[in-house]
N, C-alpha and C. Protein backbone atom coordinates (compact mmCIF):
# COMPACT_ATOMS: atom_id res chain seq x y z
N MET A 1 122.56 -0.73 87.66
CA MET A 1 122.19 -1.99 88.30
C MET A 1 123.39 -2.92 88.32
N SER A 2 123.61 -3.56 89.44
CA SER A 2 124.71 -4.50 89.58
C SER A 2 124.40 -5.80 88.85
N GLN A 3 125.45 -6.49 88.47
CA GLN A 3 125.31 -7.79 87.81
C GLN A 3 125.10 -8.87 88.87
N GLN A 4 124.18 -9.79 88.61
CA GLN A 4 123.95 -10.90 89.53
C GLN A 4 125.05 -11.95 89.38
N THR A 5 125.42 -12.56 90.51
CA THR A 5 126.31 -13.71 90.46
C THR A 5 125.45 -14.93 90.12
N ASP A 6 126.06 -16.06 89.85
CA ASP A 6 125.30 -17.27 89.55
C ASP A 6 124.42 -17.66 90.74
N ALA A 7 124.97 -17.55 91.95
CA ALA A 7 124.20 -17.90 93.16
C ALA A 7 123.01 -16.95 93.34
N GLU A 8 123.21 -15.67 93.04
CA GLU A 8 122.13 -14.70 93.15
C GLU A 8 121.05 -14.97 92.10
N ARG A 9 121.46 -15.34 90.91
CA ARG A 9 120.50 -15.63 89.84
C ARG A 9 119.64 -16.84 90.22
N GLU A 10 120.28 -17.86 90.77
CA GLU A 10 119.56 -19.06 91.20
C GLU A 10 118.56 -18.71 92.31
N LEU A 11 118.98 -17.87 93.23
CA LEU A 11 118.10 -17.45 94.32
C LEU A 11 116.96 -16.56 93.80
N ALA A 12 117.26 -15.71 92.83
CA ALA A 12 116.23 -14.85 92.23
C ALA A 12 115.17 -15.71 91.55
N GLU A 13 115.59 -16.77 90.89
CA GLU A 13 114.64 -17.68 90.24
C GLU A 13 113.76 -18.35 91.29
N LEU A 14 114.35 -18.77 92.39
CA LEU A 14 113.59 -19.37 93.48
C LEU A 14 112.59 -18.36 94.06
N LEU A 15 113.04 -17.14 94.24
CA LEU A 15 112.20 -16.08 94.79
C LEU A 15 110.97 -15.85 93.90
N VAL A 16 111.20 -15.65 92.61
CA VAL A 16 110.10 -15.39 91.67
C VAL A 16 109.15 -16.58 91.60
N GLU A 17 109.73 -17.77 91.55
CA GLU A 17 108.94 -19.01 91.45
C GLU A 17 108.13 -19.26 92.72
N SER A 18 108.76 -19.15 93.88
CA SER A 18 108.07 -19.49 95.13
C SER A 18 107.03 -18.44 95.52
N LEU A 19 107.22 -17.20 95.10
CA LEU A 19 106.27 -16.14 95.46
C LEU A 19 105.31 -15.82 94.32
N ASN A 20 105.42 -16.55 93.21
CA ASN A 20 104.56 -16.32 92.05
C ASN A 20 104.53 -14.84 91.66
N LEU A 21 105.71 -14.25 91.52
CA LEU A 21 105.79 -12.83 91.17
C LEU A 21 105.57 -12.65 89.67
N GLU A 22 104.37 -12.31 89.31
CA GLU A 22 104.04 -12.13 87.90
C GLU A 22 104.68 -10.86 87.37
N GLY A 23 105.20 -10.97 86.17
CA GLY A 23 105.81 -9.80 85.53
C GLY A 23 107.19 -9.46 86.03
N VAL A 24 107.76 -10.29 86.91
CA VAL A 24 109.12 -10.05 87.41
C VAL A 24 110.04 -11.10 86.81
N GLU A 25 111.06 -10.63 86.10
CA GLU A 25 112.05 -11.54 85.53
C GLU A 25 113.19 -11.70 86.53
N PRO A 26 113.54 -12.95 86.88
CA PRO A 26 114.61 -13.16 87.87
C PRO A 26 115.90 -12.42 87.54
N HIS A 27 116.29 -12.44 86.27
CA HIS A 27 117.56 -11.80 85.89
C HIS A 27 117.48 -10.27 85.97
N ALA A 28 116.26 -9.74 86.07
CA ALA A 28 116.09 -8.29 86.11
C ALA A 28 116.08 -7.73 87.54
N ILE A 29 116.16 -8.61 88.54
CA ILE A 29 116.17 -8.14 89.93
C ILE A 29 117.56 -7.61 90.26
N ASP A 30 117.60 -6.35 90.65
CA ASP A 30 118.87 -5.74 91.04
C ASP A 30 119.30 -6.39 92.36
N PRO A 31 120.47 -7.04 92.40
CA PRO A 31 120.88 -7.74 93.62
C PRO A 31 121.08 -6.84 94.82
N GLU A 32 121.21 -5.53 94.59
CA GLU A 32 121.42 -4.61 95.71
C GLU A 32 120.16 -3.81 96.07
N ALA A 33 119.08 -4.01 95.31
CA ALA A 33 117.83 -3.29 95.59
C ALA A 33 117.12 -3.95 96.77
N PRO A 34 116.40 -3.16 97.55
CA PRO A 34 115.65 -3.73 98.68
C PRO A 34 114.62 -4.74 98.20
N LEU A 35 114.43 -5.81 98.98
CA LEU A 35 113.41 -6.79 98.65
C LEU A 35 112.04 -6.33 99.13
N PHE A 36 112.03 -5.51 100.18
CA PHE A 36 110.77 -5.08 100.78
C PHE A 36 110.51 -3.61 100.48
N ASN A 37 109.29 -3.19 100.74
CA ASN A 37 108.87 -1.80 100.57
C ASN A 37 109.14 -1.28 99.16
N GLU A 38 110.00 -0.29 99.04
CA GLU A 38 110.18 0.37 97.74
C GLU A 38 110.87 -0.50 96.69
N GLY A 39 111.52 -1.55 97.10
CA GLY A 39 112.20 -2.42 96.14
C GLY A 39 111.21 -3.32 95.42
N LEU A 40 111.26 -4.61 95.71
CA LEU A 40 110.32 -5.57 95.10
C LEU A 40 108.94 -5.48 95.73
N GLY A 41 108.86 -4.83 96.88
CA GLY A 41 107.56 -4.67 97.53
C GLY A 41 107.06 -5.90 98.26
N LEU A 42 107.98 -6.75 98.70
CA LEU A 42 107.58 -7.94 99.44
C LEU A 42 107.07 -7.56 100.83
N ASP A 43 106.30 -8.47 101.42
CA ASP A 43 105.79 -8.23 102.77
C ASP A 43 106.16 -9.40 103.68
N SER A 44 105.66 -9.40 104.91
CA SER A 44 106.04 -10.42 105.88
C SER A 44 105.58 -11.81 105.47
N ILE A 45 104.45 -11.91 104.79
CA ILE A 45 103.97 -13.21 104.31
C ILE A 45 104.95 -13.74 103.25
N ASP A 46 105.40 -12.84 102.37
CA ASP A 46 106.39 -13.23 101.35
C ASP A 46 107.68 -13.70 102.01
N ALA A 47 108.08 -13.04 103.09
CA ALA A 47 109.31 -13.42 103.80
C ALA A 47 109.17 -14.84 104.34
N LEU A 48 108.00 -15.17 104.86
CA LEU A 48 107.76 -16.50 105.39
C LEU A 48 107.82 -17.54 104.27
N GLU A 49 107.14 -17.24 103.15
CA GLU A 49 107.15 -18.14 101.99
C GLU A 49 108.58 -18.34 101.48
N LEU A 50 109.31 -17.25 101.39
CA LEU A 50 110.68 -17.31 100.90
C LEU A 50 111.57 -18.10 101.85
N SER A 51 111.37 -17.92 103.15
CA SER A 51 112.13 -18.68 104.16
C SER A 51 111.91 -20.18 103.98
N LEU A 52 110.65 -20.57 103.75
CA LEU A 52 110.33 -21.98 103.55
C LEU A 52 110.98 -22.52 102.28
N ALA A 53 110.93 -21.72 101.22
CA ALA A 53 111.52 -22.13 99.94
C ALA A 53 113.04 -22.28 100.06
N VAL A 54 113.68 -21.35 100.78
CA VAL A 54 115.13 -21.41 100.98
C VAL A 54 115.49 -22.65 101.81
N ALA A 55 114.69 -22.93 102.84
CA ALA A 55 114.95 -24.10 103.69
C ALA A 55 114.83 -25.39 102.87
N LYS A 56 113.82 -25.44 102.03
CA LYS A 56 113.58 -26.63 101.21
C LYS A 56 114.68 -26.83 100.17
N ARG A 57 115.06 -25.75 99.50
CA ARG A 57 116.04 -25.83 98.42
C ARG A 57 117.47 -25.97 98.93
N TYR A 58 117.82 -25.16 99.95
CA TYR A 58 119.21 -25.09 100.40
C TYR A 58 119.48 -25.71 101.76
N GLY A 59 118.42 -26.06 102.48
CA GLY A 59 118.62 -26.61 103.81
C GLY A 59 119.08 -25.58 104.82
N VAL A 60 118.81 -24.30 104.54
CA VAL A 60 119.21 -23.21 105.42
C VAL A 60 117.96 -22.69 106.12
N GLN A 61 117.95 -22.77 107.44
CA GLN A 61 116.79 -22.33 108.21
C GLN A 61 116.87 -20.83 108.49
N LEU A 62 115.78 -20.13 108.23
CA LEU A 62 115.67 -18.71 108.55
C LEU A 62 114.52 -18.57 109.53
N ARG A 63 114.80 -18.15 110.72
CA ARG A 63 113.74 -18.02 111.72
C ARG A 63 112.87 -16.81 111.43
N ALA A 64 111.57 -17.00 111.59
CA ALA A 64 110.61 -15.93 111.31
C ALA A 64 110.87 -14.69 112.15
N GLU A 65 111.31 -14.90 113.38
CA GLU A 65 111.54 -13.77 114.26
C GLU A 65 113.02 -13.49 114.49
N GLY A 66 113.84 -13.97 113.59
CA GLY A 66 115.28 -13.77 113.73
C GLY A 66 115.65 -12.30 113.73
N GLU A 67 116.51 -11.91 114.68
CA GLU A 67 116.87 -10.50 114.78
C GLU A 67 117.73 -10.03 113.61
N ASP A 68 118.35 -10.98 112.90
CA ASP A 68 119.17 -10.62 111.75
C ASP A 68 118.37 -10.55 110.45
N ASN A 69 117.08 -10.84 110.52
CA ASN A 69 116.27 -10.91 109.30
C ASN A 69 116.30 -9.62 108.48
N ARG A 70 116.28 -8.48 109.16
CA ARG A 70 116.28 -7.21 108.43
C ARG A 70 117.55 -7.11 107.57
N ARG A 71 118.66 -7.56 108.12
CA ARG A 71 119.92 -7.53 107.37
C ARG A 71 119.93 -8.63 106.31
N ILE A 72 119.50 -9.84 106.68
CA ILE A 72 119.52 -10.97 105.76
C ILE A 72 118.62 -10.74 104.55
N PHE A 73 117.43 -10.20 104.80
CA PHE A 73 116.47 -9.96 103.72
C PHE A 73 116.58 -8.56 103.11
N ALA A 74 117.67 -7.86 103.40
CA ALA A 74 117.82 -6.49 102.90
C ALA A 74 117.79 -6.45 101.38
N SER A 75 118.42 -7.42 100.74
CA SER A 75 118.51 -7.44 99.28
C SER A 75 118.78 -8.87 98.83
N LEU A 76 118.68 -9.08 97.55
CA LEU A 76 119.00 -10.38 96.98
C LEU A 76 120.45 -10.74 97.29
N ARG A 77 121.33 -9.76 97.19
CA ARG A 77 122.76 -10.00 97.45
C ARG A 77 122.99 -10.42 98.90
N ALA A 78 122.32 -9.73 99.84
CA ALA A 78 122.48 -10.05 101.27
C ALA A 78 121.93 -11.45 101.57
N LEU A 79 120.78 -11.76 101.00
CA LEU A 79 120.18 -13.08 101.23
C LEU A 79 121.06 -14.17 100.63
N SER A 80 121.55 -13.95 99.44
CA SER A 80 122.43 -14.93 98.79
C SER A 80 123.71 -15.14 99.60
N ALA A 81 124.29 -14.06 100.10
CA ALA A 81 125.52 -14.17 100.89
C ALA A 81 125.25 -14.97 102.17
N HIS A 82 124.10 -14.74 102.79
CA HIS A 82 123.75 -15.47 104.01
C HIS A 82 123.58 -16.96 103.70
N VAL A 83 122.84 -17.26 102.65
CA VAL A 83 122.60 -18.67 102.27
C VAL A 83 123.93 -19.36 101.98
N GLN A 84 124.80 -18.69 101.23
CA GLN A 84 126.09 -19.29 100.90
C GLN A 84 126.93 -19.51 102.14
N SER A 85 126.91 -18.57 103.08
CA SER A 85 127.71 -18.71 104.29
C SER A 85 127.19 -19.87 105.15
N GLN A 86 125.88 -20.05 105.18
CA GLN A 86 125.28 -21.13 105.99
C GLN A 86 125.50 -22.49 105.34
N ARG A 87 125.65 -22.51 104.05
CA ARG A 87 125.87 -23.78 103.33
C ARG A 87 127.35 -24.17 103.37
N GLY A 88 128.17 -23.27 103.85
CA GLY A 88 129.60 -23.56 103.92
C GLY A 88 130.28 -23.41 102.57
N GLY A 89 129.79 -22.45 101.80
CA GLY A 89 130.45 -22.22 100.52
C GLY A 89 129.59 -21.41 99.69
């Protein structure tokens, strides 16, 4: 398992908190593991909830039907990299 960066850890905490993922420790989420299906097992409703939480916390808008969503939501690392790039740092 890869080590989380500080930005990834912060995002993992937001993910667990906003989706009420019981039994999931933010620091235990592999930043390169898939967020959907075989990974954390998130679904489209979770993606919407997470998009809202990211917008509220970071001011980064993620469109529900965005064509890049599959890439952006591929993993915690991909989502964190996208959020950081949109925040300008």
